């Protein structure tokens, strides 16, 4: 009897830990911002994440993610080099943009909201990020969109031709 309980406990532990050790299989981090009234878009690569999300137990769920700031890509080498400079992301001094979950709330169906500490250039702001979480077979997909104010993070200085609001979209697929 004790052996059966022990075996069940081990299987339960392995199941929970297998879920907790989710691996990112795909990711897409994009942004849009107005410059001179025109939308300029781009993306970041170098996405890494430790995702421990359990929709049935949000209190123990967590997400920590980062992108390499030097991977910014707007399809313009000169603009990308300017964005990597100390006027913007200062990639030499601040190699990562990070987000770390504080809490999660279930809204309805596959819709959630997470409170995340977003850090850019050592400045951290708490941002509410609405997202969807959809499981399909052995994978799960997160999709979220949010807005950051570039001046909150010291990006772009007092540039008057560049909008203060940047829209960010993140889509990540994990294996469970």
Protein backbone atom coordinates (compact mmCIF):
# COMPACT_ATOMS: atom_id res chain seq x y z
CA UNK A 1 0.00 0.00 0.00
CA UNK A 2 2.79 2.45 0.91
CA UNK A 3 4.57 1.56 -2.35
CA UNK A 4 1.43 2.45 -4.37
CA UNK A 5 1.06 5.81 -2.58
CA UNK A 6 4.76 6.51 -3.13
CA UNK A 7 4.45 5.64 -6.85
CA UNK A 8 1.38 7.87 -7.23
CA UNK A 9 3.19 10.72 -5.47
CA UNK A 10 6.20 10.38 -7.79
CA UNK A 11 3.97 10.32 -10.89
CA UNK A 12 2.09 13.41 -9.68
CA UNK A 13 5.39 15.19 -9.00
CA UNK A 14 6.73 14.31 -12.47
CA UNK A 15 3.50 15.45 -14.14
CA UNK A 16 3.55 18.81 -12.36
CA UNK A 17 7.25 19.33 -13.03
CA UNK A 18 6.93 18.33 -16.67
CA UNK A 19 4.31 21.06 -17.03
CA UNK A 20 6.40 23.53 -15.05
CA UNK A 21 9.41 23.00 -17.29
CA UNK A 22 7.70 24.30 -20.44
CA UNK A 23 9.98 24.92 -23.39
CA UNK A 24 9.49 27.82 -25.80
CA UNK A 25 9.16 26.37 -29.31
CA UNK A 26 8.19 29.56 -31.20
CA UNK A 27 8.12 33.24 -30.38
CA UNK A 28 7.34 36.52 -32.09
CA UNK A 29 7.93 39.88 -30.39
CA UNK A 30 6.89 42.84 -32.53
CA UNK A 31 6.31 46.56 -32.00
CA UNK A 32 4.79 49.57 -33.76
CA UNK A 33 5.38 53.24 -33.09
CA UNK A 34 4.55 56.40 -35.04
CA UNK A 35 7.50 58.37 -36.38
CA UNK A 36 6.66 61.57 -38.30
CA UNK A 37 3.05 60.35 -38.32
CA UNK A 38 3.90 57.04 -40.04
CA UNK A 39 3.79 53.63 -38.39
CA UNK A 40 7.22 52.09 -38.01
CA UNK A 41 7.26 48.44 -37.10
CA UNK A 42 9.89 46.02 -36.05
CA UNK A 43 10.69 42.99 -34.01
CA UNK A 44 13.08 41.55 -31.48
CA UNK A 45 14.57 38.07 -31.52
CA UNK A 46 16.62 36.37 -28.85
CA UNK A 47 13.48 35.60 -26.80
CA UNK A 48 14.04 33.49 -23.68
CA UNK A 49 11.43 32.56 -21.11
CA UNK A 50 10.78 30.53 -18.01
CA UNK A 51 7.05 29.89 -18.23
CA UNK A 52 5.32 28.12 -15.38
CA UNK A 53 1.70 28.85 -16.19
CA UNK A 54 -1.12 26.74 -14.83
CA UNK A 55 -4.59 28.10 -15.66
CA UNK A 56 -6.09 26.09 -12.80
CA UNK A 57 -3.65 27.54 -10.26
CA UNK A 58 -2.82 31.12 -11.17
CA UNK A 59 -1.44 31.88 -7.69
CA UNK A 60 1.55 29.59 -8.30
CA UNK A 61 2.00 30.52 -11.97
CA UNK A 62 4.88 32.68 -13.15
CA UNK A 63 6.41 33.99 -16.34
CA UNK A 64 9.85 35.50 -16.68
CA UNK A 65 10.94 36.47 -20.17
CA UNK A 66 13.53 38.55 -21.95
CA UNK A 67 14.63 39.61 -25.40
CA UNK A 68 18.11 40.63 -26.44
CA UNK A 69 17.91 44.39 -27.04
CA UNK A 70 20.60 44.25 -29.73
CA UNK A 71 18.28 42.12 -31.91
CA UNK A 72 15.96 45.05 -32.70
CA UNK A 73 15.10 44.92 -36.40
CA UNK A 74 13.08 47.48 -38.39
CA UNK A 75 14.39 46.50 -41.85
CA UNK A 76 16.57 49.62 -41.88
CA UNK A 77 20.18 49.08 -40.81
CA UNK A 78 20.79 52.77 -40.08
CA UNK A 79 17.59 53.05 -37.98
CA UNK A 80 18.45 49.80 -36.17
CA UNK A 81 21.94 51.10 -35.34
CA UNK A 82 20.39 54.32 -34.03
CA UNK A 83 17.93 52.32 -31.87
CA UNK A 84 20.87 50.35 -30.45
CA UNK A 85 22.66 53.58 -29.43
CA UNK A 86 22.53 55.18 -25.99
CA UNK A 87 19.77 57.55 -27.24
CA UNK A 88 17.41 54.58 -27.36
CA UNK A 89 18.08 51.05 -26.05
CA UNK A 90 21.80 51.49 -25.24
CA UNK A 91 22.39 47.82 -26.00
CA UNK A 92 26.03 47.88 -24.90
CA UNK A 93 25.01 48.82 -21.37
CA UNK A 94 21.54 47.16 -21.23
CA UNK A 95 21.62 43.89 -23.20
CA UNK A 96 18.14 42.68 -22.20
CA UNK A 97 14.57 43.85 -22.00
CA UNK A 98 12.75 41.80 -19.38
CA UNK A 99 9.33 41.13 -18.00
CA UNK A 100 8.46 39.28 -14.83
CA UNK A 101 4.98 38.37 -13.71
CA UNK A 102 3.58 39.65 -10.43
CA UNK A 103 0.07 38.16 -10.65
CA UNK A 104 -2.55 36.76 -13.02
CA UNK A 105 -6.32 37.08 -13.28
CA UNK A 106 -8.70 34.95 -15.31
CA UNK A 107 -11.16 37.07 -17.28
CA UNK A 108 -13.26 34.57 -19.24
CA UNK A 109 -12.67 31.57 -21.49
CA UNK A 110 -9.05 31.73 -22.69
CA UNK A 111 -8.64 35.39 -21.66
CA UNK A 112 -6.33 36.44 -18.84
CA UNK A 113 -4.61 39.55 -17.57
CA UNK A 114 -1.16 39.52 -16.08
CA UNK A 115 0.55 42.19 -14.04
CA UNK A 116 4.18 42.31 -15.15
CA UNK A 117 7.23 44.29 -14.13
CA UNK A 118 8.69 45.40 -17.46
CA UNK A 119 12.31 46.54 -17.31
CA UNK A 120 14.11 48.50 -20.01
CA UNK A 121 17.39 50.30 -19.34
CA UNK A 122 17.14 49.48 -15.60
CA UNK A 123 13.82 51.29 -15.35
CA UNK A 124 10.92 49.09 -14.25
CA UNK A 125 7.20 49.77 -14.65
CA UNK A 126 4.24 47.61 -13.67
CA UNK A 127 2.16 46.98 -16.79
CA UNK A 128 -1.14 45.11 -17.15
CA UNK A 129 -0.96 42.78 -20.13
CA UNK A 130 -4.12 41.12 -21.43
CA UNK A 131 -3.42 37.80 -23.14
CA UNK A 132 -4.98 34.60 -24.37
CA UNK A 133 -3.80 31.14 -23.42
CA UNK A 134 -4.85 28.26 -25.68
CA UNK A 135 -3.84 24.64 -25.26
CA UNK A 136 -3.71 22.32 -28.27
CA UNK A 137 -2.30 18.83 -27.87
CA UNK A 138 1.18 19.06 -26.38
CA UNK A 139 1.52 22.80 -26.98
CA UNK A 140 0.06 25.99 -25.59
CA UNK A 141 0.06 29.45 -27.15
CA UNK A 142 0.16 32.81 -25.40
CA UNK A 143 -0.84 35.96 -27.34
CA UNK A 144 -0.76 39.37 -25.76
CA UNK A 145 -0.68 43.02 -26.75
CA UNK A 146 0.15 46.04 -24.63
CA UNK A 147 1.40 49.58 -24.79
CA UNK A 148 4.51 51.12 -23.27
CA UNK A 149 5.40 54.77 -22.97
CA UNK A 150 8.95 55.13 -24.27
CA UNK A 151 9.65 58.10 -22.00
CA UNK A 152 8.89 55.94 -18.93
CA UNK A 153 12.03 54.01 -19.84
CA UNK A 154 14.25 56.87 -21.03
CA UNK A 155 14.03 55.85 -24.69
CA UNK A 156 14.37 58.51 -27.36
CA UNK A 157 14.67 61.47 -25.04
CA UNK A 158 12.43 64.44 -25.85
CA UNK A 159 12.04 63.48 -29.49
CA UNK A 160 8.93 65.35 -30.69
CA UNK A 161 8.54 63.53 -34.03
CA UNK A 162 8.39 60.12 -32.37
CA UNK A 163 5.20 59.07 -30.60
CA UNK A 164 5.47 58.33 -26.89
CA UNK A 165 3.25 55.25 -27.22
CA UNK A 166 4.70 52.02 -28.59
CA UNK A 167 2.44 49.03 -29.14
CA UNK A 168 4.01 45.66 -28.38
CA UNK A 169 2.72 42.25 -29.41
CA UNK A 170 4.03 38.94 -28.08
CA UNK A 171 3.10 35.49 -29.33
CA UNK A 172 4.76 32.47 -27.78
CA UNK A 173 4.22 28.77 -28.22
CA UNK A 174 5.42 26.35 -25.55
CA UNK A 175 5.61 22.60 -25.38
CA UNK A 176 4.02 21.13 -22.28
